[in-house]
Amino acid sequence: MISKGWLDSSHMEEIPGTPIPPDEAWRRFDQWRAAATEIGVMYMGSAGSITTTGTVTSARAGRLQINSATTEVSFRLKGASFRYGPVQMFPRWPYPPAVEVTAIQAYAASGDWIVLAEGFRPKSVPSSVG
């Protein structure tokens, strides 16, 4: 697991995914909102972490809101940097298998990390333990 202290600007080159301009990330968020696409959300910050699913209900003015029947989450992403690409996760932590999702990752100036994924790849990532 990546710790908050590790997510500073000096390590951004080591994080998987391709940097994307903010307007591209916001266009994708708005597409998800318009299509009512269910997305997976993982947030890690200094105050804790959360993993949930929901639909984007608002994506404007640097604020992203996601809702479901049991969840309401709002992120201030003005000034965040974004990456797009594969992220490995353990949906049944601490049990295998790991899965790889293609996601938009947002990194806030505070060091908070948010992963927003629209779907899972069906196969697990091979274990490197031999």
N, C-alpha and C. Protein backbone atom coordinates (compact mmCIF):
# COMPACT_ATOMS: atom_id res chain seq x y z
N MET A 1 0.85 -1.17 0.00
CA MET A 1 0.00 0.00 0.00
C MET A 1 0.89 1.23 0.00
N ILE A 2 0.49 2.27 -0.69
CA ILE A 2 1.26 3.50 -0.77
C ILE A 2 0.86 4.39 0.40
N SER A 3 1.83 4.89 1.11
CA SER A 3 1.53 5.77 2.25
C SER A 3 1.46 7.22 1.78
N LYS A 4 0.75 8.05 2.53
CA LYS A 4 0.56 9.45 2.17
C LYS A 4 1.89 10.17 2.05
N GLY A 5 2.83 9.93 2.94
CA GLY A 5 4.10 10.60 2.91
C GLY A 5 4.88 10.34 1.63
N TRP A 6 4.62 9.21 0.99
CA TRP A 6 5.32 8.85 -0.23
C TRP A 6 4.79 9.60 -1.43
N LEU A 7 3.57 10.13 -1.36
CA LEU A 7 2.92 10.76 -2.51
C LEU A 7 3.23 12.24 -2.60
N ASP A 8 4.50 12.60 -2.66
CA ASP A 8 4.82 14.00 -2.88
C ASP A 8 5.31 14.17 -4.31
N SER A 9 5.52 15.40 -4.73
CA SER A 9 5.84 15.68 -6.13
C SER A 9 7.14 15.02 -6.59
N SER A 10 8.08 14.74 -5.69
CA SER A 10 9.34 14.13 -6.10
C SER A 10 9.16 12.68 -6.54
N HIS A 11 8.03 12.05 -6.19
CA HIS A 11 7.80 10.64 -6.56
C HIS A 11 6.78 10.47 -7.67
N MET A 12 6.26 11.54 -8.25
CA MET A 12 5.19 11.42 -9.25
C MET A 12 5.62 10.59 -10.45
N GLU A 13 6.91 10.62 -10.83
CA GLU A 13 7.36 9.85 -11.98
C GLU A 13 7.27 8.35 -11.71
N GLU A 14 7.29 7.94 -10.45
CA GLU A 14 7.28 6.53 -10.08
C GLU A 14 5.86 5.96 -10.00
N ILE A 15 4.85 6.81 -10.00
CA ILE A 15 3.47 6.37 -9.88
C ILE A 15 2.99 5.89 -11.25
N PRO A 16 2.30 4.74 -11.32
CA PRO A 16 1.86 4.25 -12.62
C PRO A 16 0.82 5.16 -13.26
N GLY A 17 0.76 5.09 -14.57
CA GLY A 17 -0.21 5.88 -15.32
C GLY A 17 0.46 7.02 -16.06
N THR A 18 -0.25 7.54 -17.02
CA THR A 18 0.23 8.64 -17.85
C THR A 18 -0.38 9.93 -17.35
N PRO A 19 0.44 10.97 -17.17
CA PRO A 19 -0.15 12.26 -16.77
C PRO A 19 -1.15 12.74 -17.82
N ILE A 20 -2.28 13.26 -17.37
CA ILE A 20 -3.28 13.82 -18.28
C ILE A 20 -3.61 15.24 -17.82
N PRO A 21 -3.98 16.11 -18.76
CA PRO A 21 -4.34 17.47 -18.36
C PRO A 21 -5.66 17.46 -17.57
N PRO A 22 -5.80 18.38 -16.64
CA PRO A 22 -7.03 18.44 -15.83
C PRO A 22 -8.31 18.48 -16.67
N ASP A 23 -8.32 19.23 -17.77
CA ASP A 23 -9.55 19.33 -18.57
C ASP A 23 -9.96 17.97 -19.13
N GLU A 24 -9.00 17.10 -19.42
CA GLU A 24 -9.32 15.75 -19.90
C GLU A 24 -9.98 14.92 -18.78
N ALA A 25 -9.44 15.02 -17.57
CA ALA A 25 -10.04 14.31 -16.43
C ALA A 25 -11.46 14.82 -16.19
N TRP A 26 -11.66 16.12 -16.21
CA TRP A 26 -12.98 16.69 -15.96
C TRP A 26 -13.99 16.32 -17.06
N ARG A 27 -13.52 16.21 -18.30
CA ARG A 27 -14.42 15.74 -19.38
C ARG A 27 -14.88 14.32 -19.10
N ARG A 28 -13.95 13.46 -18.64
CA ARG A 28 -14.32 12.08 -18.32
C ARG A 28 -15.31 12.04 -17.17
N PHE A 29 -15.08 12.84 -16.13
CA PHE A 29 -16.01 12.89 -15.00
C PHE A 29 -17.41 13.31 -15.48
N ASP A 30 -17.45 14.29 -16.39
CA ASP A 30 -18.75 14.75 -16.88
C ASP A 30 -19.42 13.68 -17.75
N GLN A 31 -18.63 12.92 -18.51
CA GLN A 31 -19.20 11.80 -19.29
C GLN A 31 -19.80 10.77 -18.35
N TRP A 32 -19.10 10.44 -17.27
CA TRP A 32 -19.63 9.50 -16.28
C TRP A 32 -20.92 10.03 -15.68
N ARG A 33 -20.96 11.34 -15.39
CA ARG A 33 -22.17 11.95 -14.80
C ARG A 33 -23.33 11.84 -15.78
N ALA A 34 -23.11 12.23 -17.04
CA ALA A 34 -24.17 12.22 -18.04
C ALA A 34 -24.71 10.81 -18.29
N ALA A 35 -23.84 9.81 -18.24
CA ALA A 35 -24.25 8.43 -18.50
C ALA A 35 -24.67 7.68 -17.24
N ALA A 36 -24.58 8.33 -16.07
CA ALA A 36 -24.89 7.70 -14.78
C ALA A 36 -24.09 6.40 -14.61
N THR A 37 -22.83 6.44 -14.99
CA THR A 37 -21.94 5.28 -14.91
C THR A 37 -21.52 5.04 -13.46
N GLU A 38 -21.68 3.80 -13.00
CA GLU A 38 -21.21 3.47 -11.65
C GLU A 38 -19.70 3.35 -11.68
N ILE A 39 -19.04 4.02 -10.74
CA ILE A 39 -17.58 3.98 -10.67
C ILE A 39 -17.15 3.53 -9.28
N GLY A 40 -15.97 2.96 -9.24
CA GLY A 40 -15.35 2.60 -7.97
C GLY A 40 -14.48 3.75 -7.52
N VAL A 41 -14.45 3.98 -6.21
CA VAL A 41 -13.67 5.08 -5.64
C VAL A 41 -12.81 4.54 -4.51
N MET A 42 -11.53 4.90 -4.53
CA MET A 42 -10.66 4.62 -3.40
C MET A 42 -9.97 5.93 -3.04
N TYR A 43 -10.06 6.31 -1.79
CA TYR A 43 -9.45 7.55 -1.30
C TYR A 43 -8.49 7.23 -0.17
N MET A 44 -7.30 7.81 -0.23
CA MET A 44 -6.33 7.70 0.87
C MET A 44 -5.87 9.11 1.21
N GLY A 45 -6.01 9.47 2.47
CA GLY A 45 -5.58 10.79 2.91
C GLY A 45 -5.07 10.76 4.33
N SER A 46 -4.69 11.91 4.83
CA SER A 46 -4.12 11.96 6.17
C SER A 46 -5.12 11.56 7.25
N ALA A 47 -6.41 11.74 6.98
CA ALA A 47 -7.43 11.43 7.97
C ALA A 47 -7.94 10.00 7.89
N GLY A 48 -7.57 9.26 6.84
CA GLY A 48 -8.03 7.89 6.71
C GLY A 48 -8.21 7.50 5.27
N SER A 49 -9.01 6.46 5.04
CA SER A 49 -9.25 5.98 3.69
C SER A 49 -10.69 5.52 3.56
N ILE A 50 -11.15 5.46 2.30
CA ILE A 50 -12.50 4.98 2.02
C ILE A 50 -12.48 4.28 0.67
N THR A 51 -13.27 3.23 0.56
CA THR A 51 -13.49 2.54 -0.71
C THR A 51 -14.99 2.38 -0.86
N THR A 52 -15.52 2.82 -2.01
CA THR A 52 -16.96 2.76 -2.24
C THR A 52 -17.25 2.77 -3.73
N THR A 53 -18.51 2.69 -4.09
CA THR A 53 -18.95 2.85 -5.47
C THR A 53 -20.10 3.84 -5.49
N GLY A 54 -20.32 4.43 -6.65
CA GLY A 54 -21.42 5.37 -6.79
C GLY A 54 -21.41 5.98 -8.18
N THR A 55 -22.26 6.95 -8.39
CA THR A 55 -22.31 7.66 -9.66
C THR A 55 -21.95 9.12 -9.42
N VAL A 56 -21.32 9.72 -10.42
CA VAL A 56 -20.96 11.13 -10.35
C VAL A 56 -22.25 11.94 -10.49
N THR A 57 -22.54 12.77 -9.50
CA THR A 57 -23.74 13.61 -9.55
C THR A 57 -23.41 15.06 -9.83
N SER A 58 -22.14 15.44 -9.66
CA SER A 58 -21.71 16.80 -9.98
C SER A 58 -20.22 16.78 -10.27
N ALA A 59 -19.83 17.50 -11.32
CA ALA A 59 -18.42 17.60 -11.70
C ALA A 59 -18.20 19.00 -12.26
N ARG A 60 -18.02 19.97 -11.37
CA ARG A 60 -17.80 21.34 -11.84
C ARG A 60 -17.12 22.18 -10.76
N ALA A 61 -16.51 23.25 -11.23
CA ALA A 61 -15.87 24.23 -10.35
C ALA A 61 -14.84 23.58 -9.41
N GLY A 62 -14.14 22.55 -9.89
CA GLY A 62 -13.12 21.89 -9.08
C GLY A 62 -13.64 20.95 -8.02
N ARG A 63 -14.93 20.67 -8.06
CA ARG A 63 -15.55 19.79 -7.05
C ARG A 63 -16.21 18.60 -7.74
N LEU A 64 -15.90 17.40 -7.23
CA LEU A 64 -16.47 16.17 -7.76
C LEU A 64 -17.32 15.54 -6.67
N GLN A 65 -18.59 15.28 -6.96
CA GLN A 65 -19.48 14.63 -6.00
C GLN A 65 -19.94 13.30 -6.55
N ILE A 66 -19.91 12.29 -5.68
CA ILE A 66 -20.31 10.92 -6.04
C ILE A 66 -21.33 10.45 -5.01
N ASN A 67 -22.44 9.88 -5.49
CA ASN A 67 -23.50 9.41 -4.61
C ASN A 67 -23.91 7.99 -4.95
N SER A 68 -24.41 7.30 -3.93
CA SER A 68 -25.06 6.01 -4.11
C SER A 68 -26.20 5.96 -3.09
N ALA A 69 -26.84 4.83 -2.97
CA ALA A 69 -27.93 4.70 -2.00
C ALA A 69 -27.44 4.89 -0.57
N THR A 70 -26.17 4.58 -0.31
CA THR A 70 -25.66 4.65 1.06
C THR A 70 -24.46 5.57 1.24
N THR A 71 -24.03 6.23 0.16
CA THR A 71 -22.80 7.03 0.23
C THR A 71 -22.99 8.38 -0.44
N GLU A 72 -22.38 9.40 0.14
CA GLU A 72 -22.25 10.70 -0.50
C GLU A 72 -20.83 11.18 -0.23
N VAL A 73 -20.06 11.38 -1.29
CA VAL A 73 -18.67 11.79 -1.16
C VAL A 73 -18.43 13.01 -2.04
N SER A 74 -17.68 13.95 -1.53
CA SER A 74 -17.35 15.14 -2.28
C SER A 74 -15.86 15.40 -2.17
N PHE A 75 -15.21 15.65 -3.31
CA PHE A 75 -13.78 15.92 -3.34
C PHE A 75 -13.52 17.29 -3.96
N ARG A 76 -12.66 18.09 -3.33
CA ARG A 76 -12.19 19.34 -3.93
C ARG A 76 -10.92 19.01 -4.69
N LEU A 77 -10.99 19.08 -6.01
CA LEU A 77 -9.87 18.68 -6.84
C LEU A 77 -9.27 19.84 -7.63
N LYS A 78 -9.62 21.05 -7.27
CA LYS A 78 -9.03 22.21 -7.93
C LYS A 78 -7.53 22.21 -7.65
N GLY A 79 -6.73 22.27 -8.71
CA GLY A 79 -5.28 22.26 -8.58
C GLY A 79 -4.67 20.88 -8.47
N ALA A 80 -5.49 19.82 -8.51
CA ALA A 80 -4.96 18.45 -8.43
C ALA A 80 -4.24 18.10 -9.73
N SER A 81 -3.32 17.15 -9.64
CA SER A 81 -2.72 16.59 -10.85
C SER A 81 -3.37 15.23 -11.09
N PHE A 82 -3.44 14.84 -12.36
CA PHE A 82 -4.17 13.63 -12.74
C PHE A 82 -3.28 12.70 -13.55
N ARG A 83 -3.53 11.41 -13.39
CA ARG A 83 -2.90 10.37 -14.19
C ARG A 83 -3.99 9.39 -14.63
N TYR A 84 -3.75 8.73 -15.76
CA TYR A 84 -4.69 7.74 -16.26
C TYR A 84 -3.92 6.48 -16.60
N GLY A 85 -4.40 5.34 -16.14
CA GLY A 85 -3.75 4.08 -16.46
C GLY A 85 -4.04 3.02 -15.42
N PRO A 86 -3.29 1.92 -15.47
CA PRO A 86 -3.56 0.78 -14.59
C PRO A 86 -3.15 1.04 -13.14
N VAL A 87 -3.97 0.50 -12.24
CA VAL A 87 -3.69 0.55 -10.80
C VAL A 87 -4.00 -0.84 -10.25
N GLN A 88 -3.09 -1.40 -9.48
CA GLN A 88 -3.33 -2.71 -8.87
C GLN A 88 -3.98 -2.53 -7.51
N MET A 89 -5.02 -3.33 -7.25
CA MET A 89 -5.75 -3.26 -6.00
C MET A 89 -6.08 -4.67 -5.51
N PHE A 90 -6.36 -4.76 -4.23
CA PHE A 90 -6.83 -6.01 -3.62
C PHE A 90 -8.26 -5.77 -3.14
N PRO A 91 -9.27 -6.12 -3.93
CA PRO A 91 -10.65 -5.84 -3.54
C PRO A 91 -11.10 -6.60 -2.29
N ARG A 92 -10.42 -7.67 -1.95
CA ARG A 92 -10.77 -8.46 -0.75
C ARG A 92 -9.61 -8.44 0.25
N TRP A 93 -8.93 -7.30 0.37
CA TRP A 93 -7.75 -7.17 1.23
C TRP A 93 -8.01 -7.81 2.58
N PRO A 94 -7.11 -8.61 3.10
CA PRO A 94 -5.76 -8.91 2.62
C PRO A 94 -5.67 -10.17 1.76
N TYR A 95 -6.79 -10.64 1.25
CA TYR A 95 -6.79 -11.89 0.49
C TYR A 95 -6.57 -11.62 -1.00
N PRO A 96 -5.84 -12.55 -1.67
CA PRO A 96 -5.67 -12.42 -3.11
C PRO A 96 -6.97 -12.79 -3.81
N PRO A 97 -7.08 -12.58 -5.06
CA PRO A 97 -6.05 -12.08 -5.95
C PRO A 97 -6.11 -10.56 -6.07
N ALA A 98 -5.00 -10.01 -6.51
CA ALA A 98 -4.97 -8.59 -6.87
C ALA A 98 -5.69 -8.45 -8.21
N VAL A 99 -6.29 -7.33 -8.45
CA VAL A 99 -6.89 -7.03 -9.75
C VAL A 99 -6.29 -5.72 -10.24
N GLU A 100 -6.35 -5.54 -11.53
CA GLU A 100 -5.85 -4.31 -12.11
C GLU A 100 -7.04 -3.56 -12.70
N VAL A 101 -7.18 -2.30 -12.34
CA VAL A 101 -8.23 -1.45 -12.88
C VAL A 101 -7.57 -0.34 -13.68
N THR A 102 -8.26 0.11 -14.71
CA THR A 102 -7.82 1.28 -15.45
C THR A 102 -8.56 2.45 -14.84
N ALA A 103 -7.82 3.42 -14.35
CA ALA A 103 -8.43 4.47 -13.54
C ALA A 103 -7.84 5.83 -13.79
N ILE A 104 -8.61 6.83 -13.40
CA ILE A 104 -8.08 8.18 -13.26
C ILE A 104 -7.64 8.31 -11.82
N GLN A 105 -6.40 8.73 -11.63
CA GLN A 105 -5.88 8.97 -10.29
C GLN A 105 -5.73 10.48 -10.11
N ALA A 106 -6.20 10.98 -9.00
CA ALA A 106 -6.07 12.40 -8.69
C ALA A 106 -5.16 12.55 -7.48
N TYR A 107 -4.22 13.47 -7.56
CA TYR A 107 -3.30 13.76 -6.47
C TYR A 107 -3.50 15.21 -6.07
N ALA A 108 -4.05 15.42 -4.89
CA ALA A 108 -4.27 16.78 -4.38
C ALA A 108 -2.97 17.33 -3.81
N ALA A 109 -2.87 18.65 -3.75
CA ALA A 109 -1.68 19.31 -3.20
C ALA A 109 -1.43 18.87 -1.76
N SER A 110 -2.48 18.47 -1.05
CA SER A 110 -2.35 18.02 0.35
C SER A 110 -1.71 16.65 0.47
N GLY A 111 -1.55 15.94 -0.66
CA GLY A 111 -1.02 14.59 -0.63
C GLY A 111 -2.09 13.53 -0.68
N ASP A 112 -3.36 13.91 -0.67
CA ASP A 112 -4.45 12.94 -0.77
C ASP A 112 -4.42 12.29 -2.15
N TRP A 113 -4.78 11.01 -2.19
CA TRP A 113 -4.76 10.22 -3.43
C TRP A 113 -6.14 9.64 -3.63
N ILE A 114 -6.71 9.84 -4.82
CA ILE A 114 -8.04 9.35 -5.14
C ILE A 114 -7.96 8.55 -6.43
N VAL A 115 -8.50 7.34 -6.42
CA VAL A 115 -8.54 6.48 -7.60
C VAL A 115 -10.01 6.35 -8.00
N LEU A 116 -10.32 6.64 -9.26
CA LEU A 116 -11.69 6.58 -9.77
C LEU A 116 -11.69 5.65 -10.98
N ALA A 117 -12.36 4.50 -10.86
CA ALA A 117 -12.31 3.47 -11.90
C ALA A 117 -13.70 3.10 -12.36
N GLU A 118 -13.83 2.96 -13.67
CA GLU A 118 -15.13 2.63 -14.26
C GLU A 118 -15.34 1.14 -14.42
N GLY A 119 -14.30 0.33 -14.39
CA GLY A 119 -14.49 -1.11 -14.55
C GLY A 119 -13.27 -1.89 -14.12
N PHE A 120 -13.47 -3.18 -13.93
CA PHE A 120 -12.38 -4.07 -13.54
C PHE A 120 -11.97 -4.91 -14.73
N ARG A 121 -10.70 -5.24 -14.80
CA ARG A 121 -10.25 -6.24 -15.76
C ARG A 121 -10.57 -7.60 -15.16
N PRO A 122 -11.01 -8.55 -15.97
CA PRO A 122 -11.47 -9.82 -15.41
C PRO A 122 -10.40 -10.70 -14.79
N LYS A 123 -9.12 -10.61 -15.22
CA LYS A 123 -8.15 -11.53 -14.63
C LYS A 123 -7.32 -10.87 -13.55
N SER A 124 -6.85 -11.69 -12.63
CA SER A 124 -6.02 -11.17 -11.55
C SER A 124 -4.60 -10.95 -12.05
N VAL A 125 -3.87 -10.12 -11.35
CA VAL A 125 -2.48 -9.84 -11.68
C VAL A 125 -1.63 -10.99 -11.13
N PRO A 126 -0.70 -11.52 -11.94
CA PRO A 126 0.12 -12.63 -11.46
C PRO A 126 0.94 -12.24 -10.24
N SER A 127 1.08 -13.15 -9.32
CA SER A 127 1.84 -12.93 -8.11
C SER A 127 3.33 -12.94 -8.41
N SER A 128 4.09 -12.04 -7.76
CA SER A 128 5.53 -12.02 -7.96
C SER A 128 6.25 -12.86 -6.91
N VAL A 129 5.50 -13.48 -6.00
CA VAL A 129 6.08 -14.33 -4.97
C VAL A 129 6.36 -15.70 -5.59
N GLY A 130 7.57 -16.21 -5.40
CA GLY A 130 7.90 -17.46 -6.06
C GLY A 130 8.18 -18.59 -5.19
